[in-house]
Amino acid sequence: MPGIPVLPAAACALVAVLCCGAASAQQRPALKRVTLSSLTVQGFEVKGVAGRDAVLLQKGAEVYWCNLRLADTSPLSYQSDCFTVR
């Protein structure tokens, strides 16, 4: 078959995809994880509730999604993980 052999061309394409995929993954910013209490202290306000276990917080253009769960230490305490929303 004339032209470029199929197997070496496929191997080169695979290497290119893996290299470019790894480079783009390294450039992604890490998720900034904070707590609900730290955001409310900074002046963020609750703008929405999603079911029993999530809230949306906002301050200006910044928006956070917070997952809530009861703490193991006390039935009246909770733990939260908040992440930026884009």
Protein backbone atom coordinates (compact mmCIF):
# COMPACT_ATOMS: atom_id res chain seq x y z
CA MET A 1 0.00 0.00 0.00
CA PRO A 2 1.60 3.30 -1.02
CA GLY A 3 1.88 6.28 1.32
CA ILE A 4 2.26 6.33 5.09
CA PRO A 5 2.00 2.95 6.82
CA VAL A 6 -1.13 2.83 8.98
CA LEU A 7 0.33 1.40 12.19
CA PRO A 8 3.16 3.93 12.65
CA ALA A 9 0.79 6.80 11.79
CA ALA A 10 -1.73 5.57 14.38
CA ALA A 11 1.02 5.26 17.00
CA CYS A 12 2.18 8.83 16.30
CA ALA A 13 -1.39 10.11 16.58
CA LEU A 14 -1.86 8.32 19.90
CA VAL A 15 1.36 9.81 21.31
CA ALA A 16 0.28 13.29 20.20
CA VAL A 17 -3.13 12.92 21.87
CA LEU A 18 -1.60 11.65 25.10
CA CYS A 19 0.97 14.45 25.23
CA CYS A 20 -1.56 17.20 24.47
CA GLY A 21 -4.08 15.74 26.92
CA ALA A 22 -1.49 15.64 29.69
CA ALA A 23 -0.42 19.22 29.00
CA SER A 24 -3.97 20.54 29.13
CA ALA A 25 -4.66 18.62 32.34
CA GLN A 26 -1.61 20.19 33.97
CA GLN A 27 -2.78 23.70 33.08
CA ARG A 28 -6.19 23.28 34.75
CA PRO A 29 -6.45 25.27 37.98
CA ALA A 30 -7.02 23.21 41.10
CA LEU A 31 -10.45 23.34 42.71
CA LYS A 32 -10.48 25.75 45.62
CA ARG A 33 -12.23 23.99 48.51
CA VAL A 34 -13.45 26.08 51.43
CA THR A 35 -16.11 25.78 54.14
CA LEU A 36 -19.52 27.41 54.42
CA SER A 37 -18.60 29.19 57.65
CA SER A 38 -15.45 30.72 56.13
CA LEU A 39 -17.49 32.07 53.21
CA THR A 40 -20.24 33.55 55.38
CA VAL A 41 -17.59 35.31 57.49
CA GLN A 42 -16.31 36.88 54.25
CA GLY A 43 -19.78 38.28 53.50
CA PHE A 44 -21.16 35.64 51.14
CA GLU A 45 -24.95 35.29 51.24
CA VAL A 46 -27.12 32.22 50.71
CA LYS A 47 -28.86 32.71 47.36
CA GLY A 48 -30.41 29.27 46.87
CA VAL A 49 -31.04 25.87 48.39
CA ALA A 50 -30.81 22.59 46.51
CA GLY A 51 -32.65 19.89 48.40
CA ARG A 52 -31.60 19.26 51.99
CA ASP A 53 -27.90 19.04 51.46
CA ALA A 54 -26.64 21.89 49.24
CA VAL A 55 -26.71 25.68 49.10
CA LEU A 56 -25.54 28.36 46.67
CA LEU A 57 -23.60 31.31 48.07
CA GLN A 58 -22.85 34.56 46.27
CA LYS A 59 -20.89 37.73 46.84
CA GLY A 60 -20.65 39.97 43.79
CA ALA A 61 -19.61 37.86 40.79
CA GLU A 62 -18.25 34.99 42.91
CA VAL A 63 -20.56 31.98 43.37
CA TYR A 64 -19.95 28.87 45.48
CA TRP A 65 -21.80 25.52 45.68
CA CYS A 66 -21.69 24.03 49.18
CA ASN A 67 -22.44 20.40 50.02
CA LEU A 68 -23.63 19.92 53.60
CA ARG A 69 -23.68 16.79 55.74
CA LEU A 70 -24.23 16.07 59.40
CA ALA A 71 -21.07 15.77 61.45
CA ASP A 72 -20.26 12.50 63.18
CA THR A 73 -19.52 14.32 66.44
CA SER A 74 -22.93 15.85 67.11
CA PRO A 75 -26.39 15.59 65.52
CA LEU A 76 -26.67 19.40 65.58
CA SER A 77 -23.35 20.03 63.81
CA TYR A 78 -22.63 19.90 60.11
CA GLN A 79 -19.62 19.74 57.82
CA SER A 80 -19.40 21.52 54.50
CA ASP A 81 -17.32 21.48 51.33
CA CYS A 82 -17.72 24.47 49.03
CA PHE A 83 -16.44 24.81 45.48
CA THR A 84 -16.40 27.73 43.05
CA VAL A 85 -18.99 27.76 40.27
CA ARG A 86 -18.09 29.19 36.87
